[in-house]
Amino acid sequence: MHAGMNEKVGLLSYRMDRDQFDKPYSNETAQMIDHEVRTFVDTAYKRTVAIVEEKKELVQAMAKELLDKEVGMASNFAPRRLTCHLEAMSNRRALRK
């Protein structure tokens, strides 16, 4: 495993053999890595939602264009589903505030 995602964790490199069951680092280090990964993923998710919401009309236009070109897939994806998904994301974001 290689980790070096930020200043708190630093540049780390742990070799794990396939037959090895124990981690080559402490539980405290594992918790710190888990926390930092959760923070990173949460931040990326929030940023993604914000971009999609900001560009909602463009995303919908692109989805419609793709649907128009991919008639065979149109039954799997519908503009209404995209709108519902964007609204749900917006509602979840409002609840988190």
PDB file of N, CA and C in Angstrom:
ATOM      1  N   MET A   1       0.839  -1.179   0.000  1.00  0.00           N
ATOM      2  CA  MET A   1       0.000   0.000   0.000  1.00  0.00           C
ATOM      3  C   MET A   1       0.878   1.234   0.000  1.00  0.00           C
ATOM      4  N   HIS A   2       0.507   2.207  -0.772  1.00  0.00           N
ATOM      5  CA  HIS A   2       1.230   3.465  -0.801  1.00  0.00           C
ATOM      6  C   HIS A   2       0.275   4.581  -0.419  1.00  0.00           C
ATOM      7  N   ALA A   3       0.688   5.423   0.503  1.00  0.00           N
ATOM      8  CA  ALA A   3      -0.137   6.559   0.898  1.00  0.00           C
ATOM      9  C   ALA A   3       0.737   7.794   0.971  1.00  0.00           C
ATOM     10  N   GLY A   4       0.231   8.859   0.513  1.00  0.00           N
ATOM     11  CA  GLY A   4       0.943  10.120   0.549  1.00  0.00           C
ATOM     12  C   GLY A   4      -0.007  11.219   0.133  1.00  0.00           C
ATOM     13  N   MET A   5      -1.207  11.141   0.656  1.00  0.00           N
ATOM     14  CA  MET A   5      -2.273  12.002   0.171  1.00  0.00           C
ATOM     15  C   MET A   5      -2.241  13.417   0.693  1.00  0.00           C
ATOM     16  N   ASN A   6      -1.592  13.651   1.833  1.00  0.00           N
ATOM     17  CA  ASN A   6      -1.554  15.014   2.379  1.00  0.00           C
ATOM     18  C   ASN A   6      -0.431  15.151   3.397  1.00  0.00           C
ATOM     19  N   GLU A   7      -0.307  16.345   3.956  1.00  0.00           N
ATOM     20  CA  GLU A   7       0.788  16.598   4.897  1.00  0.00           C
ATOM     21  C   GLU A   7       0.626  15.825   6.195  1.00  0.00           C
ATOM     22  N   LYS A   8      -0.599  15.613   6.631  1.00  0.00           N
ATOM     23  CA  LYS A   8      -0.824  14.905   7.895  1.00  0.00           C
ATOM     24  C   LYS A   8      -0.332  13.464   7.823  1.00  0.00           C
ATOM     25  N   VAL A   9      -0.664  12.789   6.742  1.00  0.00           N
ATOM     26  CA  VAL A   9      -0.243  11.395   6.583  1.00  0.00           C
ATOM     27  C   VAL A   9       1.191  11.324   6.101  1.00  0.00           C
ATOM     28  N   GLY A  10       1.564  12.241   5.226  1.00  0.00           N
ATOM     29  CA  GLY A  10       2.928  12.247   4.721  1.00  0.00           C
ATOM     30  C   GLY A  10       3.145  11.224   3.627  1.00  0.00           C
ATOM     31  N   LEU A  11       4.385  11.072   3.258  1.00  0.00           N
ATOM     32  CA  LEU A  11       4.744  10.091   2.239  1.00  0.00           C
ATOM     33  C   LEU A  11       5.112   8.788   2.918  1.00  0.00           C
ATOM     34  N   LEU A  12       4.252   7.805   2.757  1.00  0.00           N
ATOM     35  CA  LEU A  12       4.453   6.516   3.393  1.00  0.00           C
ATOM     36  C   LEU A  12       4.436   5.418   2.346  1.00  0.00           C
ATOM     37  N   SER A  13       5.145   4.368   2.637  1.00  0.00           N
ATOM     38  CA  SER A  13       5.122   3.211   1.764  1.00  0.00           C
ATOM     39  C   SER A  13       5.207   1.968   2.643  1.00  0.00           C
ATOM     40  N   TYR A  14       4.192   1.127   2.555  1.00  0.00           N
ATOM     41  CA  TYR A  14       4.157  -0.101   3.340  1.00  0.00           C
ATOM     42  C   TYR A  14       4.119  -1.281   2.390  1.00  0.00           C
ATOM     43  N   ARG A  15       5.033  -2.180   2.602  1.00  0.00           N
ATOM     44  CA  ARG A  15       5.046  -3.392   1.789  1.00  0.00           C
ATOM     45  C   ARG A  15       4.201  -4.437   2.491  1.00  0.00           C
ATOM     46  N   MET A  16       3.262  -4.980   1.752  1.00  0.00           N
ATOM     47  CA  MET A  16       2.419  -6.035   2.314  1.00  0.00           C
ATOM     48  C   MET A  16       2.584  -7.279   1.463  1.00  0.00           C
ATOM     49  N   ASP A  17       3.054  -8.341   2.099  1.00  0.00           N
ATOM     50  CA  ASP A  17       3.192  -9.608   1.403  1.00  0.00           C
ATOM     51  C   ASP A  17       1.829 -10.272   1.280  1.00  0.00           C
ATOM     52  N   ARG A  18       1.660 -11.056   0.268  1.00  0.00           N
ATOM     53  CA  ARG A  18       0.369 -11.711   0.045  1.00  0.00           C
ATOM     54  C   ARG A  18      -0.006 -12.645   1.194  1.00  0.00           C
ATOM     55  N   ASP A  19       0.974 -13.247   1.818  1.00  0.00           N
ATOM     56  CA  ASP A  19       0.710 -14.194   2.900  1.00  0.00           C
ATOM     57  C   ASP A  19       0.594 -13.511   4.252  1.00  0.00           C
ATOM     58  N   GLN A  20       0.799 -12.232   4.297  1.00  0.00           N
ATOM     59  CA  GLN A  20       0.791 -11.481   5.553  1.00  0.00           C
ATOM     60  C   GLN A  20      -0.641 -11.075   5.906  1.00  0.00           C
ATOM     61  N   PHE A  21      -1.053 -11.366   7.148  1.00  0.00           N
ATOM     62  CA  PHE A  21      -2.396 -11.012   7.596  1.00  0.00           C
ATOM     63  C   PHE A  21      -2.409  -9.711   8.382  1.00  0.00           C
ATOM     64  N   ASP A  22      -1.317  -9.412   9.062  1.00  0.00           N
ATOM     65  CA  ASP A  22      -1.252  -8.202   9.871  1.00  0.00           C
ATOM     66  C   ASP A  22      -0.774  -7.027   9.036  1.00  0.00           C
ATOM     67  N   LYS A  23      -1.315  -5.861   9.340  1.00  0.00           N
ATOM     68  CA  LYS A  23      -0.870  -4.642   8.661  1.00  0.00           C
ATOM     69  C   LYS A  23       0.510  -4.263   9.200  1.00  0.00           C
ATOM     70  N   PRO A  24       1.355  -3.698   8.357  1.00  0.00           N
ATOM     71  CA  PRO A  24       2.693  -3.302   8.803  1.00  0.00           C
ATOM     72  C   PRO A  24       2.702  -1.913   9.444  1.00  0.00           C
ATOM     73  N   TYR A  25       1.557  -1.494  10.016  1.00  0.00           N
ATOM     74  CA  TYR A  25       1.471  -0.204  10.698  1.00  0.00           C
ATOM     75  C   TYR A  25       0.469  -0.331  11.838  1.00  0.00           C
ATOM     76  N   SER A  26       0.528   0.608  12.745  1.00  0.00           N
ATOM     77  CA  SER A  26      -0.292   0.541  13.954  1.00  0.00           C
ATOM     78  C   SER A  26      -1.761   0.848  13.659  1.00  0.00           C
ATOM     79  N   ASN A  27      -2.616   0.505  14.630  1.00  0.00           N
ATOM     80  CA  ASN A  27      -4.034   0.824  14.518  1.00  0.00           C
ATOM     81  C   ASN A  27      -4.252   2.337  14.470  1.00  0.00           C
ATOM     82  N   GLU A  28      -3.425   3.071  15.193  1.00  0.00           N
ATOM     83  CA  GLU A  28      -3.539   4.534  15.186  1.00  0.00           C
ATOM     84  C   GLU A  28      -3.259   5.093  13.796  1.00  0.00           C
ATOM     85  N   THR A  29      -2.235   4.551  13.146  1.00  0.00           N
ATOM     86  CA  THR A  29      -1.911   4.984  11.787  1.00  0.00           C
ATOM     87  C   THR A  29      -3.038   4.593  10.840  1.00  0.00           C
ATOM     88  N   ALA A  30      -3.586   3.415  11.001  1.00  0.00           N
ATOM     89  CA  ALA A  30      -4.707   2.972  10.161  1.00  0.00           C
ATOM     90  C   ALA A  30      -5.908   3.886  10.340  1.00  0.00           C
ATOM     91  N   GLN A  31      -6.194   4.276  11.578  1.00  0.00           N
ATOM     92  CA  GLN A  31      -7.315   5.185  11.830  1.00  0.00           C
ATOM     93  C   GLN A  31      -7.073   6.552  11.201  1.00  0.00           C
ATOM     94  N   MET A  32      -5.847   7.033  11.283  1.00  0.00           N
ATOM     95  CA  MET A  32      -5.511   8.321  10.695  1.00  0.00           C
ATOM     96  C   MET A  32      -5.685   8.265   9.169  1.00  0.00           C
ATOM     97  N   ILE A  33      -5.201   7.193   8.552  1.00  0.00           N
ATOM     98  CA  ILE A  33      -5.348   7.027   7.108  1.00  0.00           C
ATOM     99  C   ILE A  33      -6.824   6.949   6.743  1.00  0.00           C
ATOM    100  N   ASP A  34      -7.592   6.165   7.492  1.00  0.00           N
ATOM    101  CA  ASP A  34      -9.028   6.049   7.225  1.00  0.00           C
ATOM    102  C   ASP A  34      -9.720   7.404   7.328  1.00  0.00           C
ATOM    103  N   HIS A  35      -9.391   8.161   8.351  1.00  0.00           N
ATOM    104  CA  HIS A  35      -9.999   9.476   8.546  1.00  0.00           C
ATOM    105  C   HIS A  35      -9.658  10.415   7.385  1.00  0.00           C
ATOM    106  N   GLU A  36      -8.396  10.425   6.995  1.00  0.00           N
ATOM    107  CA  GLU A  36      -7.971  11.303   5.906  1.00  0.00           C
ATOM    108  C   GLU A  36      -8.613  10.904   4.585  1.00  0.00           C
ATOM    109  N   VAL A  37      -8.750   9.605   4.350  1.00  0.00           N
ATOM    110  CA  VAL A  37      -9.397   9.140   3.121  1.00  0.00           C
ATOM    111  C   VAL A  37     -10.868   9.554   3.128  1.00  0.00           C
ATOM    112  N   ARG A  38     -11.537   9.375   4.265  1.00  0.00           N
ATOM    113  CA  ARG A  38     -12.939   9.798   4.367  1.00  0.00           C
ATOM    114  C   ARG A  38     -13.076  11.291   4.101  1.00  0.00           C
ATOM    115  N   THR A  39     -12.186  12.088   4.675  1.00  0.00           N
ATOM    116  CA  THR A  39     -12.216  13.533   4.475  1.00  0.00           C
ATOM    117  C   THR A  39     -11.995  13.869   3.002  1.00  0.00           C
ATOM    118  N   PHE A  40     -11.026  13.214   2.387  1.00  0.00           N
ATOM    119  CA  PHE A  40     -10.731  13.440   0.971  1.00  0.00           C
ATOM    120  C   PHE A  40     -11.929  13.095   0.093  1.00  0.00           C
ATOM    121  N   VAL A  41     -12.541  11.937   0.329  1.00  0.00           N
ATOM    122  CA  VAL A  41     -13.678  11.493  -0.475  1.00  0.00           C
ATOM    123  C   VAL A  41     -14.878  12.414  -0.261  1.00  0.00           C
ATOM    124  N   ASP A  42     -15.136  12.801   0.991  1.00  0.00           N
ATOM    125  CA  ASP A  42     -16.251  13.694   1.283  1.00  0.00           C
ATOM    126  C   ASP A  42     -16.065  15.048   0.592  1.00  0.00           C
ATOM    127  N   THR A  43     -14.864  15.576   0.640  1.00  0.00           N
ATOM    128  CA  THR A  43     -14.564  16.847  -0.015  1.00  0.00           C
ATOM    129  C   THR A  43     -14.747  16.728  -1.528  1.00  0.00           C
ATOM    130  N   ALA A  44     -14.259  15.649  -2.102  1.00  0.00           N
ATOM    131  CA  ALA A  44     -14.394  15.439  -3.547  1.00  0.00           C
ATOM    132  C   ALA A  44     -15.865  15.291  -3.933  1.00  0.00           C
ATOM    133  N   TYR A  45     -16.634  14.586  -3.117  1.00  0.00           N
ATOM    134  CA  TYR A  45     -18.060  14.410  -3.400  1.00  0.00           C
ATOM    135  C   TYR A  45     -18.776  15.759  -3.373  1.00  0.00           C
ATOM    136  N   LYS A  46     -18.521  16.551  -2.336  1.00  0.00           N
ATOM    137  CA  LYS A  46     -19.165  17.863  -2.231  1.00  0.00           C
ATOM    138  C   LYS A  46     -18.794  18.762  -3.407  1.00  0.00           C
ATOM    139  N   ARG A  47     -17.543  18.711  -3.805  1.00  0.00           N
ATOM    140  CA  ARG A  47     -17.091  19.517  -4.944  1.00  0.00           C
ATOM    141  C   ARG A  47     -17.773  19.057  -6.229  1.00  0.00           C
ATOM    142  N   THR A  48     -17.904  17.754  -6.400  1.00  0.00           N
ATOM    143  CA  THR A  48     -18.557  17.200  -7.577  1.00  0.00           C
ATOM    144  C   THR A  48     -20.024  17.618  -7.636  1.00  0.00           C
ATOM    145  N   VAL A  49     -20.719  17.509  -6.508  1.00  0.00           N
ATOM    146  CA  VAL A  49     -22.124  17.907  -6.452  1.00  0.00           C
ATOM    147  C   VAL A  49     -22.262  19.389  -6.797  1.00  0.00           C
ATOM    148  N   ALA A  50     -21.388  20.209  -6.249  1.00  0.00           N
ATOM    149  CA  ALA A  50     -21.445  21.648  -6.517  1.00  0.00           C
ATOM    150  C   ALA A  50     -21.235  21.938  -8.002  1.00  0.00           C
ATOM    151  N   ILE A  51     -20.297  21.257  -8.628  1.00  0.00           N
ATOM    152  CA  ILE A  51     -20.035  21.470 -10.054  1.00  0.00           C
ATOM    153  C   ILE A  51     -21.232  21.022 -10.884  1.00  0.00           C
ATOM    154  N   VAL A  52     -21.785  19.859 -10.561  1.00  0.00           N
ATOM    155  CA  VAL A  52     -22.938  19.356 -11.307  1.00  0.00           C
ATOM    156  C   VAL A  52     -24.127  20.299 -11.146  1.00  0.00           C
ATOM    157  N   GLU A  53     -24.337  20.792  -9.929  1.00  0.00           N
ATOM    158  CA  GLU A  53     -25.444  21.730  -9.706  1.00  0.00           C
ATOM    159  C   GLU A  53     -25.209  23.044 -10.455  1.00  0.00           C
ATOM    160  N   GLU A  54     -23.980  23.512 -10.431  1.00  0.00           N
ATOM    161  CA  GLU A  54     -23.643  24.760 -11.116  1.00  0.00           C
ATOM    162  C   GLU A  54     -23.836  24.626 -12.626  1.00  0.00           C
ATOM    163  N   LYS A  55     -23.512  23.463 -13.145  1.00  0.00           N
ATOM    164  CA  LYS A  55     -23.584  23.205 -14.589  1.00  0.00           C
ATOM    165  C   LYS A  55     -24.792  22.347 -14.952  1.00  0.00           C
ATOM    166  N   LYS A  56     -25.837  22.400 -14.143  1.00  0.00           N
ATOM    167  CA  LYS A  56     -27.003  21.526 -14.300  1.00  0.00           C
ATOM    168  C   LYS A  56     -27.580  21.591 -15.713  1.00  0.00           C
ATOM    169  N   GLU A  57     -27.759  22.791 -16.239  1.00  0.00           N
ATOM    170  CA  GLU A  57     -28.347  22.921 -17.576  1.00  0.00           C
ATOM    171  C   GLU A  57     -27.444  22.286 -18.632  1.00  0.00           C
ATOM    172  N   LEU A  58     -26.150  22.472 -18.490  1.00  0.00           N
ATOM    173  CA  LEU A  58     -25.208  21.877 -19.437  1.00  0.00           C
ATOM    174  C   LEU A  58     -25.232  20.351 -19.337  1.00  0.00           C
ATOM    175  N   VAL A  59     -25.262  19.845 -18.126  1.00  0.00           N
ATOM    176  CA  VAL A  59     -25.308  18.389 -17.919  1.00  0.00           C
ATOM    177  C   VAL A  59     -26.575  17.812 -18.540  1.00  0.00           C
ATOM    178  N   GLN A  60     -27.701  18.479 -18.317  1.00  0.00           N
ATOM    179  CA  GLN A  60     -28.953  18.007 -18.894  1.00  0.00           C
ATOM    180  C   GLN A  60     -28.914  18.068 -20.421  1.00  0.00           C
ATOM    181  N   ALA A  61     -28.341  19.131 -20.979  1.00  0.00           N
ATOM    182  CA  ALA A  61     -28.233  19.252 -22.432  1.00  0.00           C
ATOM    183  C   ALA A  61     -27.350  18.147 -23.008  1.00  0.00           C
ATOM    184  N   MET A  62     -26.244  17.865 -22.321  1.00  0.00           N
ATOM    185  CA  MET A  62     -25.355  16.794 -22.780  1.00  0.00           C
ATOM    186  C   MET A  62     -26.066  15.446 -22.683  1.00  0.00           C
ATOM    187  N   ALA A  63     -26.799  15.225 -21.606  1.00  0.00           N
ATOM    188  CA  ALA A  63     -27.530  13.973 -21.447  1.00  0.00           C
ATOM    189  C   ALA A  63     -28.556  13.802 -22.562  1.00  0.00           C
ATOM    190  N   LYS A  64     -29.271  14.868 -22.861  1.00  0.00           N
ATOM    191  CA  LYS A  64     -30.269  14.816 -23.941  1.00  0.00           C
ATOM    192  C   LYS A  64     -29.592  14.517 -25.271  1.00  0.00           C
ATOM    193  N   GLU A  65     -28.492  15.184 -25.539  1.00  0.00           N
ATOM    194  CA  GLU A  65     -27.766  14.950 -26.794  1.00  0.00           C
ATOM    195  C   GLU A  65     -27.303  13.499 -26.894  1.00  0.00           C
ATOM    196  N   LEU A  66     -26.771  12.975 -25.807  1.00  0.00           N
ATOM    197  CA  LEU A  66     -26.339  11.572 -25.799  1.00  0.00           C
ATOM    198  C   LEU A  66     -27.512  10.637 -26.021  1.00  0.00           C
ATOM    199  N   LEU A  67     -28.639  10.950 -25.389  1.00  0.00           N
ATOM    200  CA  LEU A  67     -29.822  10.110 -25.577  1.00  0.00           C
ATOM    201  C   LEU A  67     -30.312  10.148 -27.016  1.00  0.00           C
ATOM    202  N   ASP A  68     -30.286  11.319 -27.605  1.00  0.00           N
ATOM    203  CA  ASP A  68     -30.715  11.454 -28.994  1.00  0.00           C
ATOM    204  C   ASP A  68     -29.824  10.640 -29.929  1.00  0.00           C
ATOM    205  N   LYS A  69     -28.549  10.567 -29.621  1.00  0.00           N
ATOM    206  CA  LYS A  69     -27.607   9.840 -30.483  1.00  0.00           C
ATOM    207  C   LYS A  69     -27.603   8.344 -30.200  1.00  0.00           C
ATOM    208  N   GLU A  70     -27.890   7.984 -28.988  1.00  0.00           N
ATOM    209  CA  GLU A  70     -27.863   6.580 -28.599  1.00  0.00           C
ATOM    210  C   GLU A  70     -29.290   6.097 -28.362  1.00  0.00           C
ATOM    211  N   VAL A  71     -30.038   5.988 -29.422  1.00  0.00           N
ATOM    212  CA  VAL A  71     -31.448   5.629 -29.325  1.00  0.00           C
ATOM    213  C   VAL A  71     -31.619   4.275 -28.634  1.00  0.00           C
ATOM    214  N   GLY A  72     -30.738   3.362 -28.884  1.00  0.00           N
ATOM    215  CA  GLY A  72     -30.842   2.038 -28.282  1.00  0.00           C
ATOM    216  C   GLY A  72     -30.732   2.065 -26.773  1.00  0.00           C
ATOM    217  N   MET A  73     -30.035   3.063 -26.242  1.00  0.00           N
ATOM    218  CA  MET A  73     -29.870   3.146 -24.796  1.00  0.00           C
ATOM    219  C   MET A  73     -30.912   4.055 -24.149  1.00  0.00           C
ATOM    220  N   ALA A  74     -31.733   4.702 -24.943  1.00  0.00           N
ATOM    221  CA  ALA A  74     -32.686   5.682 -24.418  1.00  0.00           C
ATOM    222  C   ALA A  74     -33.623   5.080 -23.391  1.00  0.00           C
ATOM    223  N   SER A  75     -33.929   3.816 -23.497  1.00  0.00           N
ATOM    224  CA  SER A  75     -34.847   3.216 -22.527  1.00  0.00           C
ATOM    225  C   SER A  75     -34.184   3.035 -21.161  1.00  0.00           C
ATOM    226  N   ASN A  76     -32.860   2.986 -21.132  1.00  0.00           N
ATOM    227  CA  ASN A  76     -32.149   2.820 -19.860  1.00  0.00           C
ATOM    228  C   ASN A  76     -31.940   4.130 -19.119  1.00  0.00           C
ATOM    229  N   PHE A  77     -31.874   5.234 -19.864  1.00  0.00           N
ATOM    230  CA  PHE A  77     -31.615   6.534 -19.262  1.00  0.00           C
ATOM    231  C   PHE A  77     -32.646   7.519 -19.779  1.00  0.00           C
ATOM    232  N   ALA A  78     -33.224   8.241 -18.894  1.00  0.00           N
ATOM    233  CA  ALA A  78     -34.217   9.226 -19.311  1.00  0.00           C
ATOM    234  C   ALA A  78     -33.875  10.572 -18.702  1.00  0.00           C
ATOM    235  N   PRO A  79     -34.121  11.671 -19.423  1.00  0.00           N
ATOM    236  CA  PRO A  79     -33.846  12.999 -18.863  1.00  0.00           C
ATOM    237  C   PRO A  79     -34.540  13.216 -17.522  1.00  0.00           C
ATOM    238  N   ARG A  80     -35.730  12.663 -17.355  1.00  0.00           N
ATOM    239  CA  ARG A  80     -36.452  12.826 -16.082  1.00  0.00           C
ATOM    240  C   ARG A  80     -35.677  12.174 -14.938  1.00  0.00           C
ATOM    241  N   ARG A  81     -35.078  11.019 -15.186  1.00  0.00           N
ATOM    242  CA  ARG A  81     -34.277  10.364 -14.151  1.00  0.00           C
ATOM    243  C   ARG A  81     -33.098  11.243 -13.747  1.00  0.00           C
ATOM    244  N   LEU A  82     -32.457  11.867 -14.721  1.00  0.00           N
ATOM    245  CA  LEU A  82     -31.328  12.750 -14.425  1.00  0.00           C
ATOM    246  C   LEU A  82     -31.799  13.932 -13.592  1.00  0.00           C
ATOM    247  N   THR A  83     -32.924  14.511 -13.981  1.00  0.00           N
ATOM    248  CA  THR A  83     -33.470  15.644 -13.225  1.00  0.00           C
ATOM    249  C   THR A  83     -33.781  15.230 -11.796  1.00  0.00           C
ATOM    250  N   CYS A  84     -34.417  14.082 -11.624  1.00  0.00           N
ATOM    251  CA  CYS A  84     -34.737  13.585 -10.281  1.00  0.00           C
ATOM    252  C   CYS A  84     -33.466  13.363  -9.473  1.00  0.00           C
ATOM    253  N   HIS A  85     -32.441  12.814 -10.114  1.00  0.00           N
ATOM    254  CA  HIS A  85     -31.183  12.562  -9.412  1.00  0.00           C
ATOM    255  C   HIS A  85     -30.528  13.873  -8.992  1.00  0.00           C
ATOM    256  N   LEU A  86     -30.521  14.863  -9.881  1.00  0.00           N
ATOM    257  CA  LEU A  86     -29.929  16.154  -9.546  1.00  0.00           C
ATOM    258  C   LEU A  86     -30.707  16.827  -8.417  1.00  0.00           C
ATOM    259  N   GLU A  87     -32.029  16.721  -8.445  1.00  0.00           N
ATOM    260  CA  GLU A  87     -32.848  17.295  -7.376  1.00  0.00           C
ATOM    261  C   GLU A  87     -32.569  16.593  -6.049  1.00  0.00           C
ATOM    262  N   ALA A  88     -32.433  15.282  -6.071  1.00  0.00           N
ATOM    263  CA  ALA A  88     -32.146  14.527  -4.853  1.00  0.00           C
ATOM    264  C   ALA A  88     -30.789  14.929  -4.282  1.00  0.00           C
ATOM    265  N   MET A  89     -29.797  15.102  -5.172  1.00  0.00           N
ATOM    266  CA  MET A  89     -28.478  15.531  -4.702  1.00  0.00           C
ATOM    267  C   MET A  89     -28.571  16.911  -4.078  1.00  0.00           C
ATOM    268  N   SER A  90     -29.338  17.782  -4.684  1.00  0.00           N
ATOM    269  CA  SER A  90     -29.502  19.140  -4.167  1.00  0.00           C
ATOM    270  C   SER A  90     -30.182  19.114  -2.801  1.00  0.00           C
ATOM    271  N   ASN A  91     -31.191  18.280  -2.653  1.00  0.00           N
ATOM    272  CA  ASN A  91     -31.892  18.159  -1.370  1.00  0.00           C
ATOM    273  C   ASN A  91     -30.978  17.613  -0.281  1.00  0.00           C
ATOM    274  N   ARG A  92     -30.157  16.627  -0.605  1.00  0.00           N
ATOM    275  CA  ARG A  92     -29.222  16.066   0.377  1.00  0.00           C
ATOM    276  C   ARG A  92     -28.226  17.126   0.806  1.00  0.00           C
ATOM    277  N   ARG A  93     -27.776  17.924  -0.154  1.00  0.00           N
ATOM    278  CA  ARG A  93     -26.823  18.975   0.162  1.00  0.00           C
ATOM    279  C   ARG A  93     -27.453  20.017   1.102  1.00  0.00           C
ATOM    280  N   ALA A  94     -28.708  20.353   0.838  1.00  0.00           N
ATOM    281  CA  ALA A  94     -29.400  21.319   1.687  1.00  0.00           C
ATOM    282  C   ALA A  94     -29.575  20.782   3.100  1.00  0.00           C
ATOM    283  N   LEU A  95     -29.802  19.498   3.227  1.00  0.00           N
ATOM    284  CA  LEU A  95     -29.971  18.888   4.545  1.00  0.00           C
ATOM    285  C   LEU A  95     -28.667  18.875   5.351  1.00  0.00           C
ATOM    286  N   ARG A  96     -27.545  18.803   4.657  1.00  0.00           N
ATOM    287  CA  ARG A  96     -26.240  18.745   5.328  1.00  0.00           C
ATOM    288  C   ARG A  96     -25.828  20.106   5.886  1.00  0.00           C
ATOM    289  N   LYS A  97     -26.413  21.170   5.378  1.00  0.00           N
ATOM    290  CA  LYS A  97     -26.010  22.507   5.805  1.00  0.00           C
ATOM    291  C   LYS A  97     -26.525  22.818   7.174  1.00  0.00           C
TER     292      LYS A  97
END
